[in-house]
Amino acid sequence: SSAAKGESVADTAKTVSCYADIIAMRHPKEGAPYVASQVATVPV
């Protein structure tokens, strides 16, 4: 993913919201899905 290039979780979530109706996220950092849910325009 573009995380390898340094993209933030928030930017990934905003981007993927343009392609999908719902997101399932697994992340090694505590709180990352919460951050995604604050900016995504679809359920996380």
Full PDB file with SEQRES, HELIX, SHEET, SSBOND, CRYST1, ORIGX, SCALE, CONECT and MASTER records, all heavy atoms in Angstrom:
SEQRES   1 A   44  SER SER ALA ALA LYS GLY GLU SER VAL ALA ASP THR ALA          
SEQRES   2 A   44  LYS THR VAL SER CYS TYR ALA ASP ILE ILE ALA MET ARG          
SEQRES   3 A   44  HIS PRO LYS GLU GLY ALA PRO TYR VAL ALA SER GLN VAL          
SEQRES   4 A   44  ALA THR VAL PRO VAL                                          
HELIX    1 AA1 SER A    2  LYS A    5  5                                   4    
HELIX    2 AA2 VAL A    9  SER A   17  1                                   9    
HELIX    3 AA3 ALA A   32  VAL A   39  1                                   8    
CRYST1    1.000    1.000    1.000  90.00  90.00  90.00 P 1           1          
ORIGX1      1.000000  0.000000  0.000000        0.00000                         
ORIGX2      0.000000  1.000000  0.000000        0.00000                         
ORIGX3      0.000000  0.000000  1.000000        0.00000                         
SCALE1      1.000000  0.000000  0.000000        0.00000                         
SCALE2      0.000000  1.000000  0.000000        0.00000                         
SCALE3      0.000000  0.000000  1.000000        0.00000                         
ATOM      1  N   SER A   1       0.842  -1.194   0.000  1.00  0.00           N  
ATOM      2  CA  SER A   1       0.000   0.000   0.000  1.00  0.00           C  
ATOM      3  C   SER A   1       0.873   1.238   0.000  1.00  0.00           C  
ATOM      4  O   SER A   1       2.096   1.166   0.157  1.00  0.00           O  
ATOM      5  CB  SER A   1      -0.895   0.015   1.249  1.00  0.00           C  
ATOM      6  OG  SER A   1      -0.135   0.406   2.391  1.00  0.00           O  
ATOM      7  N   SER A   2       0.253   2.404  -0.130  1.00  0.00           N  
ATOM      8  CA  SER A   2       1.025   3.650  -0.122  1.00  0.00           C  
ATOM      9  C   SER A   2       1.554   4.004   1.260  1.00  0.00           C  
ATOM     10  O   SER A   2       2.292   4.985   1.410  1.00  0.00           O  
ATOM     11  CB  SER A   2       0.162   4.797  -0.672  1.00  0.00           C  
ATOM     12  OG  SER A   2       0.011   4.664  -2.073  1.00  0.00           O  
ATOM     13  N   ALA A   3       1.201   3.213   2.263  1.00  0.00           N  
ATOM     14  CA  ALA A   3       1.816   3.396   3.583  1.00  0.00           C  
ATOM     15  C   ALA A   3       3.328   3.217   3.477  1.00  0.00           C  
ATOM     16  O   ALA A   3       4.095   3.839   4.211  1.00  0.00           O  
ATOM     17  CB  ALA A   3       1.233   2.396   4.582  1.00  0.00           C  
ATOM     18  N   ALA A   4       3.746   2.369   2.533  1.00  0.00           N  
ATOM     19  CA  ALA A   4       5.183   2.152   2.320  1.00  0.00           C  
ATOM     20  C   ALA A   4       5.871   3.423   1.834  1.00  0.00           C  
ATOM     21  O   ALA A   4       7.085   3.583   1.970  1.00  0.00           O  
ATOM     22  CB  ALA A   4       5.402   1.020   1.319  1.00  0.00           C  
ATOM     23  N   LYS A   5       5.086   4.346   1.255  1.00  0.00           N  
ATOM     24  CA  LYS A   5       5.635   5.629   0.788  1.00  0.00           C  
ATOM     25  C   LYS A   5       5.469   6.721   1.849  1.00  0.00           C  
ATOM     26  O   LYS A   5       5.855   7.863   1.616  1.00  0.00           O  
ATOM     27  CB  LYS A   5       4.912   6.066  -0.486  1.00  0.00           C  
ATOM     28  CG  LYS A   5       4.953   5.064  -1.624  1.00  0.00           C  
ATOM     29  CD  LYS A   5       4.071   5.549  -2.773  1.00  0.00           C  
ATOM     30  CE  LYS A   5       3.940   4.497  -3.860  1.00  0.00           C  
ATOM     31  NZ  LYS A   5       2.981   4.901  -4.906  1.00  0.00           N  
ATOM     32  N   GLY A   6       4.830   6.379   2.962  1.00  0.00           N  
ATOM     33  CA  GLY A   6       4.649   7.350   4.036  1.00  0.00           C  
ATOM     34  C   GLY A   6       3.263   7.956   4.131  1.00  0.00           C  
ATOM     35  O   GLY A   6       3.056   8.892   4.899  1.00  0.00           O  
ATOM     36  N   GLU A   7       2.310   7.439   3.362  1.00  0.00           N  
ATOM     37  CA  GLU A   7       0.953   7.998   3.435  1.00  0.00           C  
ATOM     38  C   GLU A   7       0.342   7.738   4.807  1.00  0.00           C  
ATOM     39  O   GLU A   7       0.508   6.670   5.394  1.00  0.00           O  
ATOM     40  CB  GLU A   7       0.059   7.376   2.349  1.00  0.00           C  
ATOM     41  CG  GLU A   7      -1.349   7.976   2.339  1.00  0.00           C  
ATOM     42  CD  GLU A   7      -2.207   7.467   1.191  1.00  0.00           C  
ATOM     43  OE1 GLU A   7      -2.394   6.234   1.097  1.00  0.00           O  
ATOM     44  OE2 GLU A   7      -2.667   8.287   0.393  1.00  0.00           O  
ATOM     45  N   SER A   8      -0.381   8.704   5.342  1.00  0.00           N  
ATOM     46  CA  SER A   8      -1.004   8.574   6.655  1.00  0.00           C  
ATOM     47  C   SER A   8      -2.239   7.682   6.581  1.00  0.00           C  
ATOM     48  O   SER A   8      -2.844   7.511   5.517  1.00  0.00           O  
ATOM     49  CB  SER A   8      -1.414   9.946   7.188  1.00  0.00           C  
ATOM     50  OG  SER A   8      -2.494  10.468   6.427  1.00  0.00           O  
ATOM     51  N   VAL A   9      -2.612   7.131   7.745  1.00  0.00           N  
ATOM     52  CA  VAL A   9      -3.829   6.328   7.834  1.00  0.00           C  
ATOM     53  C   VAL A   9      -5.040   7.165   7.433  1.00  0.00           C  
ATOM     54  O   VAL A   9      -5.941   6.696   6.729  1.00  0.00           O  
ATOM     55  CB  VAL A   9      -3.999   5.785   9.274  1.00  0.00           C  
ATOM     56  CG1 VAL A   9      -5.418   5.269   9.514  1.00  0.00           C  
ATOM     57  CG2 VAL A   9      -2.989   4.669   9.542  1.00  0.00           C  
ATOM     58  N   ALA A  10      -5.067   8.429   7.875  1.00  0.00           N  
ATOM     59  CA  ALA A  10      -6.199   9.305   7.563  1.00  0.00           C  
ATOM     60  C   ALA A  10      -6.344   9.503   6.059  1.00  0.00           C  
ATOM     61  O   ALA A  10      -7.459   9.411   5.510  1.00  0.00           O  
ATOM     62  CB  ALA A  10      -6.035  10.650   8.264  1.00  0.00           C  
ATOM     63  N   ASP A  11      -5.239   9.752   5.372  1.00  0.00           N  
ATOM     64  CA  ASP A  11      -5.306   9.958   3.923  1.00  0.00           C  
ATOM     65  C   ASP A  11      -5.720   8.678   3.196  1.00  0.00           C  
ATOM     66  O   ASP A  11      -6.470   8.718   2.219  1.00  0.00           O  
ATOM     67  CB  ASP A  11      -3.967  10.460   3.384  1.00  0.00           C  
ATOM     68  CG  ASP A  11      -3.768  11.954   3.642  1.00  0.00           C  
ATOM     69  OD1 ASP A  11      -4.653  12.564   4.288  1.00  0.00           O  
ATOM     70  OD2 ASP A  11      -2.745  12.498   3.197  1.00  0.00           O  
ATOM     71  N   THR A  12      -5.217   7.538   3.678  1.00  0.00           N  
ATOM     72  CA  THR A  12      -5.623   6.262   3.075  1.00  0.00           C  
ATOM     73  C   THR A  12      -7.126   6.075   3.223  1.00  0.00           C  
ATOM     74  O   THR A  12      -7.815   5.691   2.272  1.00  0.00           O  
ATOM     75  CB  THR A  12      -4.880   5.085   3.735  1.00  0.00           C  
ATOM     76  OG1 THR A  12      -3.475   5.239   3.541  1.00  0.00           O  
ATOM     77  CG2 THR A  12      -5.321   3.759   3.139  1.00  0.00           C  
ATOM     78  N   ALA A  13      -7.651   6.362   4.416  1.00  0.00           N  
ATOM     79  CA  ALA A  13      -9.088   6.178   4.669  1.00  0.00           C  
ATOM     80  C   ALA A  13      -9.930   7.106   3.800  1.00  0.00           C  
ATOM     81  O   ALA A  13     -10.951   6.691   3.241  1.00  0.00           O  
ATOM     82  CB  ALA A  13      -9.387   6.422   6.144  1.00  0.00           C  
ATOM     83  N   LYS A  14      -9.496   8.360   3.674  1.00  0.00           N  
ATOM     84  CA  LYS A  14     -10.240   9.307   2.829  1.00  0.00           C  
ATOM     85  C   LYS A  14     -10.235   8.841   1.375  1.00  0.00           C  
ATOM     86  O   LYS A  14     -11.246   8.925   0.675  1.00  0.00           O  
ATOM     87  CB  LYS A  14      -9.603  10.701   2.909  1.00  0.00           C  
ATOM     88  CG  LYS A  14      -9.846  11.436   4.210  1.00  0.00           C  
ATOM     89  CD  LYS A  14      -9.143  12.793   4.140  1.00  0.00           C  
ATOM     90  CE  LYS A  14      -9.176  13.506   5.473  1.00  0.00           C  
ATOM     91  NZ  LYS A  14      -8.393  14.759   5.437  1.00  0.00           N  
ATOM     92  N   THR A  15      -9.089   8.358   0.920  1.00  0.00           N  
ATOM     93  CA  THR A  15      -8.968   7.906  -0.466  1.00  0.00           C  
ATOM     94  C   THR A  15      -9.850   6.698  -0.731  1.00  0.00           C  
ATOM     95  O   THR A  15     -10.616   6.654  -1.705  1.00  0.00           O  
ATOM     96  CB  THR A  15      -7.494   7.549  -0.778  1.00  0.00           C  
ATOM     97  OG1 THR A  15      -6.683   8.705  -0.567  1.00  0.00           O  
ATOM     98  CG2 THR A  15      -7.342   7.064  -2.199  1.00  0.00           C  
ATOM     99  N   VAL A  16      -9.750   5.705   0.148  1.00  0.00           N  
ATOM    100  CA  VAL A  16     -10.489   4.459  -0.070  1.00  0.00           C  
ATOM    101  C   VAL A  16     -11.998   4.684   0.058  1.00  0.00           C  
ATOM    102  O   VAL A  16     -12.785   3.976  -0.571  1.00  0.00           O  
ATOM    103  CB  VAL A  16      -9.981   3.364   0.886  1.00  0.00           C  
ATOM    104  CG1 VAL A  16     -10.817   2.098   0.768  1.00  0.00           C  
ATOM    105  CG2 VAL A  16      -8.511   3.047   0.583  1.00  0.00           C  
ATOM    106  N   SER A  17     -12.406   5.697   0.824  1.00  0.00           N  
ATOM    107  CA  SER A  17     -13.835   6.036   0.916  1.00  0.00           C  
ATOM    108  C   SER A  17     -14.424   6.382  -0.449  1.00  0.00           C  
ATOM    109  O   SER A  17     -15.629   6.275  -0.665  1.00  0.00           O  
ATOM    110  CB  SER A  17     -14.046   7.229   1.856  1.00  0.00           C  
ATOM    111  OG  SER A  17     -13.722   6.914   3.184  1.00  0.00           O  
ATOM    112  N   CYS A  18     -13.562   6.815  -1.380  1.00  0.00           N  
ATOM    113  CA  CYS A  18     -14.028   7.153  -2.734  1.00  0.00           C  
ATOM    114  C   CYS A  18     -14.323   5.907  -3.566  1.00  0.00           C  
ATOM    115  O   CYS A  18     -15.010   5.987  -4.587  1.00  0.00           O  
ATOM    116  CB  CYS A  18     -12.973   7.994  -3.464  1.00  0.00           C  
ATOM    117  SG  CYS A  18     -12.584   9.565  -2.669  1.00  0.00           S  
ATOM    118  N   TYR A  19     -13.783   4.739  -3.125  1.00  0.00           N  
ATOM    119  CA  TYR A  19     -13.908   3.526  -3.926  1.00  0.00           C  
ATOM    120  C   TYR A  19     -14.858   2.494  -3.324  1.00  0.00           C  
ATOM    121  O   TYR A  19     -15.290   1.577  -4.031  1.00  0.00           O  
ATOM    122  CB  TYR A  19     -12.540   2.830  -4.070  1.00  0.00           C  
ATOM    123  CG  TYR A  19     -11.407   3.694  -4.528  1.00  0.00           C  
ATOM    124  CD1 TYR A  19     -10.136   3.568  -3.953  1.00  0.00           C  
ATOM    125  CD2 TYR A  19     -11.572   4.637  -5.547  1.00  0.00           C  
ATOM    126  CE1 TYR A  19      -9.072   4.353  -4.370  1.00  0.00           C  
ATOM    127  CE2 TYR A  19     -10.512   5.423  -5.969  1.00  0.00           C  
ATOM    128  CZ  TYR A  19      -9.271   5.274  -5.378  1.00  0.00           C  
ATOM    129  OH  TYR A  19      -8.218   6.049  -5.785  1.00  0.00           O  
ATOM    130  N   ALA A  20     -15.095   2.596  -2.016  1.00  0.00           N  
ATOM    131  CA  ALA A  20     -15.802   1.518  -1.317  1.00  0.00           C  
ATOM    132  C   ALA A  20     -16.971   2.057  -0.498  1.00  0.00           C  
ATOM    133  O   ALA A  20     -17.029   3.249  -0.178  1.00  0.00           O  
ATOM    134  CB  ALA A  20     -14.827   0.778  -0.407  1.00  0.00           C  
ATOM    135  N   ASP A  21     -17.874   1.162  -0.133  1.00  0.00           N  
ATOM    136  CA  ASP A  21     -19.041   1.514   0.681  1.00  0.00           C  
ATOM    137  C   ASP A  21     -18.800   1.253   2.164  1.00  0.00           C  
ATOM    138  O   ASP A  21     -19.529   1.761   3.018  1.00  0.00           O  
ATOM    139  CB  ASP A  21     -20.254   0.702   0.223  1.00  0.00           C  
ATOM    140  CG  ASP A  21     -20.584   0.960  -1.236  1.00  0.00           C  
ATOM    141  OD1 ASP A  21     -21.096   2.054  -1.533  1.00  0.00           O  
ATOM    142  OD2 ASP A  21     -20.305   0.080  -2.078  1.00  0.00           O  
ATOM    143  N   ILE A  22     -17.778   0.453   2.469  1.00  0.00           N  
ATOM    144  CA  ILE A  22     -17.464   0.109   3.857  1.00  0.00           C  
ATOM    145  C   ILE A  22     -16.016  -0.370   3.905  1.00  0.00           C  
ATOM    146  O   ILE A  22     -15.508  -0.931   2.923  1.00  0.00           O  
ATOM    147  CB  ILE A  22     -18.447  -0.967   4.386  1.00  0.00           C  
ATOM    148  CG1 ILE A  22     -18.259  -1.221   5.882  1.00  0.00           C  
ATOM    149  CG2 ILE A  22     -18.376  -2.260   3.566  1.00  0.00           C  
ATOM    150  CD1 ILE A  22     -19.417  -2.010   6.515  1.00  0.00           C  
ATOM    151  N   ILE A  23     -15.332  -0.116   5.020  1.00  0.00           N  
ATOM    152  CA  ILE A  23     -13.912  -0.439   5.161  1.00  0.00           C  
ATOM    153  C   ILE A  23     -13.713  -1.347   6.374  1.00  0.00           C  
ATOM    154  O   ILE A  23     -14.271  -1.086   7.446  1.00  0.00           O  
ATOM    155  CB  ILE A  23     -13.071   0.848   5.354  1.00  0.00           C  
ATOM    156  CG1 ILE A  23     -13.085   1.703   4.084  1.00  0.00           C  
ATOM    157  CG2 ILE A  23     -11.639   0.515   5.765  1.00  0.00           C  
ATOM    158  CD1 ILE A  23     -12.493   3.097   4.277  1.00  0.00           C  
ATOM    159  N   ALA A  24     -12.900  -2.403   6.201  1.00  0.00           N  
ATOM    160  CA  ALA A  24     -12.416  -3.199   7.333  1.00  0.00           C  
ATOM    161  C   ALA A  24     -10.910  -2.981   7.412  1.00  0.00           C  
ATOM    162  O   ALA A  24     -10.200  -3.214   6.433  1.00  0.00           O  
ATOM    163  CB  ALA A  24     -12.733  -4.677   7.134  1.00  0.00           C  
ATOM    164  N   MET A  25     -10.420  -2.514   8.568  1.00  0.00           N  
ATOM    165  CA  MET A  25      -8.997  -2.172   8.700  1.00  0.00           C  
ATOM    166  C   MET A  25      -8.343  -2.931   9.843  1.00  0.00           C  
ATOM    167  O   MET A  25      -8.851  -2.947  10.961  1.00  0.00           O  
ATOM    168  CB  MET A  25      -8.826  -0.667   8.954  1.00  0.00           C  
ATOM    169  CG  MET A  25      -7.372  -0.280   9.221  1.00  0.00           C  
ATOM    170  SD  MET A  25      -7.134   1.462   9.633  1.00  0.00           S  
ATOM    171  CE  MET A  25      -7.316   2.204   8.020  1.00  0.00           C  
ATOM    172  N   ARG A  26      -7.197  -3.543   9.536  1.00  0.00           N  
ATOM    173  CA  ARG A  26      -6.323  -4.094  10.571  1.00  0.00           C  
ATOM    174  C   ARG A  26      -5.018  -3.325  10.531  1.00  0.00           C  
ATOM    175  O   ARG A  26      -4.482  -3.060   9.453  1.00  0.00           O  
ATOM    176  CB  ARG A  26      -6.050  -5.580  10.350  1.00  0.00           C  
ATOM    177  CG  ARG A  26      -4.925  -6.098  11.245  1.00  0.00           C  
ATOM    178  CD  ARG A  26      -4.837  -7.584  11.276  1.00  0.00           C  
ATOM    179  NE  ARG A  26      -5.937  -8.152  12.026  1.00  0.00           N  
ATOM    180  CZ  ARG A  26      -6.010  -9.430  12.382  1.00  0.00           C  
ATOM    181  NH1 ARG A  26      -5.063 -10.273  12.055  1.00  0.00           N  
ATOM    182  NH2 ARG A  26      -7.038  -9.878  13.070  1.00  0.00           N  
ATOM    183  N   HIS A  27      -4.526  -2.981  11.724  1.00  0.00           N  
ATOM    184  CA  HIS A  27      -3.321  -2.153  11.783  1.00  0.00           C  
ATOM    185  C   HIS A  27      -2.514  -2.509  13.032  1.00  0.00           C  
ATOM    186  O   HIS A  27      -3.101  -2.787  14.079  1.00  0.00           O  
ATOM    187  CB  HIS A  27      -3.711  -0.665  11.834  1.00  0.00           C  
ATOM    188  CG  HIS A  27      -2.630   0.252  11.356  1.00  0.00           C  
ATOM    189  ND1 HIS A  27      -1.528   0.551  12.132  1.00  0.00           N  
ATOM    190  CD2 HIS A  27      -2.468   0.933  10.191  1.00  0.00           C  
ATOM    191  CE1 HIS A  27      -0.739   1.389  11.466  1.00  0.00           C  
ATOM    192  NE2 HIS A  27      -1.276   1.631  10.290  1.00  0.00           N  
ATOM    193  N   PRO A  28      -1.175  -2.497  12.958  1.00  0.00           N  
ATOM    194  CA  PRO A  28      -0.378  -2.837  14.143  1.00  0.00           C  
ATOM    195  C   PRO A  28      -0.390  -1.756  15.224  1.00  0.00           C  
ATOM    196  O   PRO A  28      -0.021  -2.025  16.368  1.00  0.00           O  
ATOM    197  CB  PRO A  28       1.038  -3.024  13.579  1.00  0.00           C  
ATOM    198  CG  PRO A  28       1.057  -2.236  12.312  1.00  0.00           C  
ATOM    199  CD  PRO A  28      -0.335  -2.309  11.757  1.00  0.00           C  
ATOM    200  N   LYS A  29      -0.807  -0.534  14.875  1.00  0.00           N  
ATOM    201  CA  LYS A  29      -0.802   0.557  15.862  1.00  0.00           C  
ATOM    202  C   LYS A  29      -2.182   0.722  16.490  1.00  0.00           C  
ATOM    203  O   LYS A  29      -3.187   0.867  15.796  1.00  0.00           O  
ATOM    204  CB  LYS A  29      -0.385   1.873  15.208  1.00  0.00           C  
ATOM    205  CG  LYS A  29       1.086   1.911  14.835  1.00  0.00           C  
ATOM    206  CD  LYS A  29       1.505   3.267  14.330  1.00  0.00           C  
ATOM    207  CE  LYS A  29       2.995   3.284  13.985  1.00  0.00           C  
ATOM    208  NZ  LYS A  29       3.394   4.558  13.350  1.00  0.00           N  
ATOM    209  N   GLU A  30      -2.206   0.727  17.823  1.00  0.00           N  
ATOM    210  CA  GLU A  30      -3.453   0.955  18.546  1.00  0.00           C  
ATOM    211  C   GLU A  30      -4.053   2.288  18.142  1.00  0.00           C  
ATOM    212  O   GLU A  30      -3.357   3.306  18.074  1.00  0.00           O  
ATOM    213  CB  GLU A  30      -3.207   0.957  20.065  1.00  0.00           C  
ATOM    214  CG  GLU A  30      -2.959  -0.408  20.674  1.00  0.00           C  
ATOM    215  CD  GLU A  30      -1.517  -0.864  20.613  1.00  0.00           C  
ATOM    216  OE1 GLU A  30      -0.711  -0.176  19.944  1.00  0.00           O  
ATOM    217  OE2 GLU A  30      -1.185  -1.904  21.203  1.00  0.00           O  
ATOM    218  N   GLY A  31      -5.347   2.290  17.858  1.00  0.00           N  
ATOM    219  CA  GLY A  31      -6.046   3.530  17.547  1.00  0.00           C  
ATOM    220  C   GLY A  31      -6.110   3.890  16.080  1.00  0.00           C  
ATOM    221  O   GLY A  31      -6.834   4.816  15.704  1.00  0.00           O  
ATOM    222  N   ALA A  32      -5.378   3.165  15.219  1.00  0.00           N  
ATOM    223  CA  ALA A  32      -5.379   3.517  13.790  1.00  0.00           C  
ATOM    224  C   ALA A  32      -6.778   3.411  13.164  1.00  0.00           C  
ATOM    225  O   ALA A  32      -7.196   4.327  12.440  1.00  0.00           O  
ATOM    226  CB  ALA A  32      -4.374   2.656  13.031  1.00  0.00           C  
ATOM    227  N   PRO A  33      -7.553   2.342  13.425  1.00  0.00           N  
ATOM    228  CA  PRO A  33      -8.910   2.296  12.851  1.00  0.00           C  
ATOM    229  C   PRO A  33      -9.810   3.428  13.359  1.00  0.00           C  
ATOM    230  O   PRO A  33     -10.658   3.932  12.621  1.00  0.00           O  
ATOM    231  CB  PRO A  33      -9.444   0.926  13.289  1.00  0.00           C  
ATOM    232  CG  PRO A  33      -8.208   0.102  13.495  1.00  0.00           C  
ATOM    233  CD  PRO A  33      -7.210   1.064  14.068  1.00  0.00           C  
ATOM    234  N   TYR A  34      -9.593   3.847  14.618  1.00  0.00           N  
ATOM    235  CA  TYR A  34     -10.365   4.976  15.148  1.00  0.00           C  
ATOM    236  C   TYR A  34     -10.052   6.243  14.359  1.00  0.00           C  
ATOM    237  O   TYR A  34     -10.954   6.998  13.977  1.00  0.00           O  
ATOM    238  CB  TYR A  34     -10.060   5.187  16.629  1.00  0.00           C  
ATOM    239  CG  TYR A  34     -10.679   6.451  17.179  1.00  0.00           C  
ATOM    240  CD1 TYR A  34     -12.039   6.522  17.456  1.00  0.00           C  
ATOM    241  CD2 TYR A  34      -9.906   7.599  17.386  1.00  0.00           C  
ATOM    242  CE1 TYR A  34     -12.617   7.688  17.938  1.00  0.00           C  
ATOM    243  CE2 TYR A  34     -10.467   8.764  17.858  1.00  0.00           C  
ATOM    244  CZ  TYR A  34     -11.824   8.801  18.137  1.00  0.00           C  
ATOM    245  OH  TYR A  34     -12.383   9.966  18.590  1.00  0.00           O  
ATOM    246  N   VAL A  35      -8.769   6.485  14.100  1.00  0.00           N  
ATOM    247  CA  VAL A  35      -8.363   7.654  13.301  1.00  0.00           C  
ATOM    248  C   VAL A  35      -9.029   7.592  11.929  1.00  0.00           C  
ATOM    249  O   VAL A  35      -9.582   8.588  11.438  1.00  0.00           O  
ATOM    250  CB  VAL A  35      -6.822   7.706  13.158  1.00  0.00           C  
ATOM    251  CG1 VAL A  35      -6.403   8.755  12.130  1.00  0.00           C  
ATOM    252  CG2 VAL A  35      -6.172   7.998  14.506  1.00  0.00           C  
ATOM    253  N   ALA A  36      -9.015   6.412  11.320  1.00  0.00           N  
ATOM    254  CA  ALA A  36      -9.640   6.244  10.004  1.00  0.00           C  
ATOM    255  C   ALA A  36     -11.128   6.559  10.059  1.00  0.00           C  
ATOM    256  O   ALA A  36     -11.679   7.216   9.167  1.00  0.00           O  
ATOM    257  CB  ALA A  36      -9.406   4.823   9.491  1.00  0.00           C  
ATOM    258  N   SER A  37     -11.789   6.118  11.134  1.00  0.00           N  
ATOM    259  CA  SER A  37     -13.245   6.320  11.243  1.00  0.00           C  
ATOM    260  C   SER A  37     -13.619   7.788  11.391  1.00  0.00           C  
ATOM    261  O   SER A  37     -14.745   8.176  11.065  1.00  0.00           O  
ATOM    262  CB  SER A  37     -13.796   5.526  12.433  1.00  0.00           C  
ATOM    263  OG  SER A  37     -13.444   6.132  13.670  1.00  0.00           O  
ATOM    264  N   GLN A  38     -12.679   8.596  11.888  1.00  0.00           N  
ATOM    265  CA  GLN A  38     -12.960  10.018  12.085  1.00  0.00           C  
ATOM    266  C   GLN A  38     -12.961  10.807  10.780  1.00  0.00           C  
ATOM    267  O   GLN A  38     -13.532  11.901  10.704  1.00  0.00           O  
ATOM    268  CB  GLN A  38     -11.937  10.629  13.054  1.00  0.00           C  
ATOM    269  CG  GLN A  38     -11.996  10.053  14.458  1.00  0.00           C  
ATOM    270  CD  GLN A  38     -13.372  10.199  15.081  1.00  0.00           C  
ATOM    271  OE1 GLN A  38     -13.824  11.295  15.390  1.00  0.00           O  
ATOM    272  NE2 GLN A  38     -14.059   9.084  15.263  1.00  0.00           N  
ATOM    273  N   VAL A  39     -12.315  10.265   9.750  1.00  0.00           N  
ATOM    274  CA  VAL A  39     -12.213  11.011   8.491  1.00  0.00           C  
ATOM    275  C   VAL A  39     -12.881  10.303   7.302  1.00  0.00           C  
ATOM    276  O   VAL A  39     -13.184  10.939   6.295  1.00  0.00           O  
ATOM    277  CB  VAL A  39     -10.735  11.295   8.135  1.00  0.00           C  
ATOM    278  CG1 VAL A  39     -10.085  12.162   9.203  1.00  0.00           C  
ATOM    279  CG2 VAL A  39      -9.939  10.008   7.932  1.00  0.00           C  
ATOM    280  N   ALA A  40     -13.124   9.006   7.411  1.00  0.00           N  
ATOM    281  CA  ALA A  40     -13.735   8.255   6.307  1.00  0.00           C  
ATOM    282  C   ALA A  40     -15.183   8.710   6.127  1.00  0.00           C  
ATOM    283  O   ALA A  40     -15.846   9.107   7.084  1.00  0.00           O  
ATOM    284  CB  ALA A  40     -13.685   6.756   6.591  1.00  0.00           C  
ATOM    285  N   THR A  41     -15.662   8.627   4.916  1.00  0.00           N  
ATOM    286  CA  THR A  41     -17.059   8.979   4.627  1.00  0.00           C  
ATOM    287  C   THR A  41     -17.923   7.728   4.494  1.00  0.00           C  
ATOM    288  O   THR A  41     -19.078   7.813   4.089  1.00  0.00           O  
ATOM    289  CB  THR A  41     -17.145   9.816   3.334  1.00  0.00           C  
ATOM    290  OG1 THR A  41     -16.509   9.098   2.267  1.00  0.00           O  
ATOM    291  CG2 THR A  41     -16.451  11.162   3.526  1.00  0.00           C  
ATOM    292  N   VAL A  42     -17.349   6.570   4.859  1.00  0.00           N  
ATOM    293  CA  VAL A  42     -18.088   5.307   4.889  1.00  0.00           C  
ATOM    294  C   VAL A  42     -17.800   4.634   6.241  1.00  0.00           C  
ATOM    295  O   VAL A  42     -16.844   5.008   6.925  1.00  0.00           O  
ATOM    296  CB  VAL A  42     -17.664   4.378   3.723  1.00  0.00           C  
ATOM    297  CG1 VAL A  42     -17.941   5.048   2.381  1.00  0.00           C  
ATOM    298  CG2 VAL A  42     -16.196   3.969   3.834  1.00  0.00           C  
ATOM    299  N   PRO A  43     -18.607   3.655   6.648  1.00  0.00           N  
ATOM    300  CA  PRO A  43     -18.346   2.975   7.926  1.00  0.00           C  
ATOM    301  C   PRO A  43     -16.990   2.279   7.938  1.00  0.00           C  
ATOM    302  O   PRO A  43     -16.551   1.733   6.922  1.00  0.00           O  
ATOM    303  CB  PRO A  43     -19.486   1.952   8.018  1.00  0.00           C  
ATOM    304  CG  PRO A  43     -20.557   2.452   7.107  1.00  0.00           C  
ATOM    305  CD  PRO A  43     -19.846   3.165   6.006  1.00  0.00           C  
ATOM    306  N   VAL A  44     -16.332   2.307   9.098  1.00  0.00           N  
ATOM    307  CA  VAL A  44     -15.046   1.630   9.285  1.00  0.00           C  
ATOM    308  C   VAL A  44     -15.208   0.563  10.364  1.00  0.00           C  
ATOM    309  O   VAL A  44     -15.779   0.820  11.433  1.00  0.00           O  
ATOM    310  CB  VAL A  44     -13.938   2.623   9.702  1.00  0.00           C  
ATOM    311  CG1 VAL A  44     -12.633   1.887  10.029  1.00  0.00           C  
ATOM    312  CG2 VAL A  44     -13.700   3.652   8.599  1.00  0.00           C  
TER     313      VAL A  44                                                      
MASTER        0    0    0    3    0    0    0    6  312    1    0    4          
END                                                                             
